[in-house]
PDB file of N, CA and C in Angstrom:
ATOM      1  N   MET A   1       0.816  -1.201   0.000  1.00  0.00           N
ATOM      2  CA  MET A   1       0.000   0.000   0.000  1.00  0.00           C
ATOM      3  C   MET A   1       0.857   1.262   0.000  1.00  0.00           C
ATOM      4  N   PHE A   2       1.962   1.216   0.728  1.00  0.00           N
ATOM      5  CA  PHE A   2       2.825   2.395   0.789  1.00  0.00           C
ATOM      6  C   PHE A   2       3.444   2.704  -0.575  1.00  0.00           C
ATOM      7  N   GLY A   3       3.666   1.657  -1.376  1.00  0.00           N
ATOM      8  CA  GLY A   3       4.211   1.854  -2.720  1.00  0.00           C
ATOM      9  C   GLY A   3       3.264   2.623  -3.621  1.00  0.00           C
ATOM     10  N   LEU A   4       1.969   2.420  -3.432  1.00  0.00           N
ATOM     11  CA  LEU A   4       0.989   3.146  -4.244  1.00  0.00           C
ATOM     12  C   LEU A   4       0.987   4.629  -3.925  1.00  0.00           C
ATOM     13  N   LEU A   5       1.328   4.978  -2.702  1.00  0.00           N
ATOM     14  CA  LEU A   5       1.379   6.394  -2.333  1.00  0.00           C
ATOM     15  C   LEU A   5       2.595   7.094  -2.925  1.00  0.00           C
ATOM     16  N   LEU A   6       3.676   6.353  -3.142  1.00  0.00           N
ATOM     17  CA  LEU A   6       4.897   6.961  -3.673  1.00  0.00           C
ATOM     18  C   LEU A   6       4.911   7.065  -5.194  1.00  0.00           C
ATOM     19  N   ARG A   7       4.054   6.311  -5.866  1.00  0.00           N
ATOM     20  CA  ARG A   7       4.072   6.289  -7.332  1.00  0.00           C
ATOM     21  C   ARG A   7       3.880   7.677  -7.958  1.00  0.00           C
ATOM     22  N   PRO A   8       2.942   8.513  -7.511  1.00  0.00           N
ATOM     23  CA  PRO A   8       2.802   9.848  -8.121  1.00  0.00           C
ATOM     24  C   PRO A   8       4.046  10.722  -7.918  1.00  0.00           C
ATOM     25  N   PHE A   9       4.694  10.577  -6.787  1.00  0.00           N
ATOM     26  CA  PHE A   9       5.900  11.377  -6.540  1.00  0.00           C
ATOM     27  C   PHE A   9       7.052  10.919  -7.416  1.00  0.00           C
ATOM     28  N   ARG A  10       7.170   9.615  -7.602  1.00  0.00           N
ATOM     29  CA  ARG A  10       8.212   9.104  -8.504  1.00  0.00           C
ATOM     30  C   ARG A  10       7.956   9.577  -9.928  1.00  0.00           C
ATOM     31  N   THR A  11       6.705   9.579 -10.340  1.00  0.00           N
ATOM     32  CA  THR A  11       6.357  10.039 -11.688  1.00  0.00           C
ATOM     33  C   THR A  11       6.729  11.508 -11.863  1.00  0.00           C
ATOM     34  N   LEU A  12       6.413  12.325 -10.887  1.00  0.00           N
ATOM     35  CA  LEU A  12       6.766  13.751 -10.969  1.00  0.00           C
ATOM     36  C   LEU A  12       8.277  13.954 -11.021  1.00  0.00           C
ATOM     37  N   ILE A  13       9.010  13.169 -10.267  1.00  0.00           N
ATOM     38  CA  ILE A  13      10.467  13.294 -10.274  1.00  0.00           C
ATOM     39  C   ILE A  13      11.027  12.903 -11.635  1.00  0.00           C
ATOM     40  N   VAL A  14      10.542  11.820 -12.210  1.00  0.00           N
ATOM     41  CA  VAL A  14      11.025  11.379 -13.524  1.00  0.00           C
ATOM     42  C   VAL A  14      10.680  12.401 -14.595  1.00  0.00           C
ATOM     43  N   VAL A  15       9.475  12.936 -14.563  1.00  0.00           N
ATOM     44  CA  VAL A  15       9.082  13.963 -15.541  1.00  0.00           C
ATOM     45  C   VAL A  15       9.934  15.214 -15.359  1.00  0.00           C
ATOM     46  N   GLY A  16      10.215  15.604 -14.132  1.00  0.00           N
ATOM     47  CA  GLY A  16      11.067  16.766 -13.871  1.00  0.00           C
ATOM     48  C   GLY A  16      12.477  16.577 -14.398  1.00  0.00           C
ATOM     49  N   ILE A  17      13.042  15.385 -14.193  1.00  0.00           N
ATOM     50  CA  ILE A  17      14.384  15.099 -14.696  1.00  0.00           C
ATOM     51  C   ILE A  17      14.405  15.139 -16.218  1.00  0.00           C
ATOM     52  N   ALA A  18      13.376  14.583 -16.859  1.00  0.00           N
ATOM     53  CA  ALA A  18      13.298  14.607 -18.322  1.00  0.00           C
ATOM     54  C   ALA A  18      13.175  16.038 -18.845  1.00  0.00           C
ATOM     55  N   PHE A  19      12.410  16.876 -18.148  1.00  0.00           N
ATOM     56  CA  PHE A  19      12.257  18.270 -18.552  1.00  0.00           C
ATOM     57  C   PHE A  19      13.591  19.005 -18.487  1.00  0.00           C
ATOM     58  N   VAL A  20      14.318  18.839 -17.394  1.00  0.00           N
ATOM     59  CA  VAL A  20      15.606  19.516 -17.231  1.00  0.00           C
ATOM     60  C   VAL A  20      16.602  19.019 -18.279  1.00  0.00           C
ATOM     61  N   ALA A  21      16.625  17.716 -18.531  1.00  0.00           N
ATOM     62  CA  ALA A  21      17.531  17.170 -19.544  1.00  0.00           C
ATOM     63  C   ALA A  21      17.200  17.733 -20.929  1.00  0.00           C
ATOM     64  N   GLY A  22      15.930  17.831 -21.258  1.00  0.00           N
ATOM     65  CA  GLY A  22      15.531  18.399 -22.546  1.00  0.00           C
ATOM     66  C   GLY A  22      15.887  19.868 -22.661  1.00  0.00           C
ATOM     67  N   PHE A  23      15.731  20.594 -21.578  1.00  0.00           N
ATOM     68  CA  PHE A  23      16.079  22.022 -21.551  1.00  0.00           C
ATOM     69  C   PHE A  23      17.575  22.205 -21.796  1.00  0.00           C
ATOM     70  N   LEU A  24      18.400  21.411 -21.132  1.00  0.00           N
ATOM     71  CA  LEU A  24      19.849  21.506 -21.308  1.00  0.00           C
ATOM     72  C   LEU A  24      20.264  21.087 -22.719  1.00  0.00           C
ATOM     73  N   TYR A  25      19.627  20.053 -23.248  1.00  0.00           N
ATOM     74  CA  TYR A  25      19.932  19.594 -24.601  1.00  0.00           C
ATOM     75  C   TYR A  25      19.596  20.672 -25.636  1.00  0.00           C
ATOM     76  N   ALA A  26      18.452  21.307 -25.493  1.00  0.00           N
ATOM     77  CA  ALA A  26      18.046  22.353 -26.439  1.00  0.00           C
ATOM     78  C   ALA A  26      18.990  23.548 -26.371  1.00  0.00           C
ATOM     79  N   GLY A  27      19.419  23.910 -25.180  1.00  0.00           N
ATOM     80  CA  GLY A  27      20.369  25.014 -25.041  1.00  0.00           C
ATOM     81  C   GLY A  27      21.700  24.706 -25.690  1.00  0.00           C
ATOM     82  N   SER A  28      22.142  23.467 -25.557  1.00  0.00           N
ATOM     83  CA  SER A  28      23.397  23.055 -26.179  1.00  0.00           C
ATOM     84  C   SER A  28      23.288  23.088 -27.701  1.00  0.00           C
ATOM     85  N   ARG A  29      22.161  22.618 -28.219  1.00  0.00           N
ATOM     86  CA  ARG A  29      21.969  22.635 -29.673  1.00  0.00           C
ATOM     87  C   ARG A  29      21.903  24.065 -30.204  1.00  0.00           C
ATOM     88  N   ALA A  30      21.284  24.962 -29.460  1.00  0.00           N
ATOM     89  CA  ALA A  30      21.199  26.355 -29.892  1.00  0.00           C
ATOM     90  C   ALA A  30      22.584  26.997 -29.911  1.00  0.00           C
ATOM     91  N   ALA A  31      23.399  26.696 -28.916  1.00  0.00           N
ATOM     92  CA  ALA A  31      24.757  27.241 -28.876  1.00  0.00           C
ATOM     93  C   ALA A  31      25.588  26.696 -30.039  1.00  0.00           C
ATOM     94  N   ASP A  32      25.432  25.420 -30.351  1.00  0.00           N
ATOM     95  CA  ASP A  32      26.159  24.835 -31.480  1.00  0.00           C
ATOM     96  C   ASP A  32      25.719  25.452 -32.806  1.00  0.00           C
ATOM     97  N   ALA A  33      24.430  25.661 -32.970  1.00  0.00           N
ATOM     98  CA  ALA A  33      23.913  26.265 -34.206  1.00  0.00           C
ATOM     99  C   ALA A  33      24.399  27.701 -34.347  1.00  0.00           C
ATOM    100  N   CYS A  34      24.458  28.430 -33.239  1.00  0.00           N
ATOM    101  CA  CYS A  34      24.951  29.807 -33.273  1.00  0.00           C
ATOM    102  C   CYS A  34      26.424  29.840 -33.678  1.00  0.00           C
ATOM    103  N   ALA A  35      27.218  28.949 -33.081  1.00  0.00           N
ATOM    104  CA  ALA A  35      28.645  28.899 -33.410  1.00  0.00           C
ATOM    105  C   ALA A  35      28.859  28.484 -34.862  1.00  0.00           C
ATOM    106  N   ALA A  36      28.056  27.564 -35.362  1.00  0.00           N
ATOM    107  CA  ALA A  36      28.181  27.125 -36.761  1.00  0.00           C
ATOM    108  C   ALA A  36      27.842  28.249 -37.731  1.00  0.00           C
ATOM    109  N   ALA A  37      26.983  29.172 -37.311  1.00  0.00           N
ATOM    110  CA  ALA A  37      26.610  30.298 -38.163  1.00  0.00           C
ATOM    111  C   ALA A  37      27.560  31.480 -37.995  1.00  0.00           C
ATOM    112  N   GLY A  38      28.596  31.323 -37.191  1.00  0.00           N
ATOM    113  CA  GLY A  38      29.588  32.379 -37.024  1.00  0.00           C
ATOM    114  C   GLY A  38      29.252  33.381 -35.943  1.00  0.00           C
ATOM    115  N   GLY A  39      28.359  33.035 -35.044  1.00  0.00           N
ATOM    116  CA  GLY A  39      27.967  33.969 -33.988  1.00  0.00           C
ATOM    117  C   GLY A  39      28.551  33.603 -32.636  1.00  0.00           C
ATOM    118  N   GLN A  40      28.210  34.399 -31.644  1.00  0.00           N
ATOM    119  CA  GLN A  40      28.646  34.184 -30.273  1.00  0.00           C
ATOM    120  C   GLN A  40      27.429  34.275 -29.359  1.00  0.00           C
ATOM    121  N   ILE A  41      27.424  33.455 -28.323  1.00  0.00           N
ATOM    122  CA  ILE A  41      26.360  33.503 -27.323  1.00  0.00           C
ATOM    123  C   ILE A  41      26.776  34.480 -26.230  1.00  0.00           C
ATOM    124  N   GLN A  42      25.961  35.503 -26.009  1.00  0.00           N
ATOM    125  CA  GLN A  42      26.181  36.461 -24.930  1.00  0.00           C
ATOM    126  C   GLN A  42      24.857  36.638 -24.206  1.00  0.00           C
ATOM    127  N   GLN A  43      24.820  36.304 -22.932  1.00  0.00           N
ATOM    128  CA  GLN A  43      23.615  36.393 -22.112  1.00  0.00           C
ATOM    129  C   GLN A  43      22.446  35.646 -22.767  1.00  0.00           C
ATOM    130  N   ASN A  44      22.736  34.445 -23.246  1.00  0.00           N
ATOM    131  CA  ASN A  44      21.755  33.543 -23.855  1.00  0.00           C
ATOM    132  C   ASN A  44      21.138  34.076 -25.140  1.00  0.00           C
ATOM    133  N   VAL A  45      21.816  34.991 -25.829  1.00  0.00           N
ATOM    134  CA  VAL A  45      21.354  35.519 -27.110  1.00  0.00           C
ATOM    135  C   VAL A  45      22.498  35.369 -28.110  1.00  0.00           C
ATOM    136  N   CYS A  46      22.179  34.935 -29.319  1.00  0.00           N
ATOM    137  CA  CYS A  46      23.189  34.751 -30.360  1.00  0.00           C
ATOM    138  C   CYS A  46      23.396  36.079 -31.100  1.00  0.00           C
ATOM    139  N   TYR A  47      24.637  36.552 -31.108  1.00  0.00           N
ATOM    140  CA  TYR A  47      24.994  37.799 -31.799  1.00  0.00           C
ATOM    141  C   TYR A  47      25.998  37.501 -32.906  1.00  0.00           C
ATOM    142  N   GLY A  48      25.833  38.143 -34.041  1.00  0.00           N
ATOM    143  CA  GLY A  48      26.806  38.063 -35.121  1.00  0.00           C
ATOM    144  C   GLY A  48      26.652  36.898 -36.060  1.00  0.00           C
ATOM    145  N   ALA A  49      25.583  36.156 -35.981  1.00  0.00           N
ATOM    146  CA  ALA A  49      25.388  35.031 -36.890  1.00  0.00           C
ATOM    147  C   ALA A  49      25.041  35.566 -38.275  1.00  0.00           C
ATOM    148  N   THR A  50      25.569  34.900 -39.290  1.00  0.00           N
ATOM    149  CA  THR A  50      25.355  35.369 -40.648  1.00  0.00           C
ATOM    150  C   THR A  50      24.197  34.657 -41.330  1.00  0.00           C
ATOM    151  N   GLU A  51      23.705  33.568 -40.775  1.00  0.00           N
ATOM    152  CA  GLU A  51      22.612  32.828 -41.421  1.00  0.00           C
ATOM    153  C   GLU A  51      21.351  32.974 -40.636  1.00  0.00           C
TER     154      GLU A  51
END
């Protein structure tokens, strides 16, 4: 019975971890795309990209 009470909390933790991982992955991809276009990331904004 105690396991049934913990299931919603485990689900929230797993969803939270997946959200943070996706957020970090998207930020990394954006930085790579900015660098490939010849720009620089300053305060989370790409400056100087040519494409």
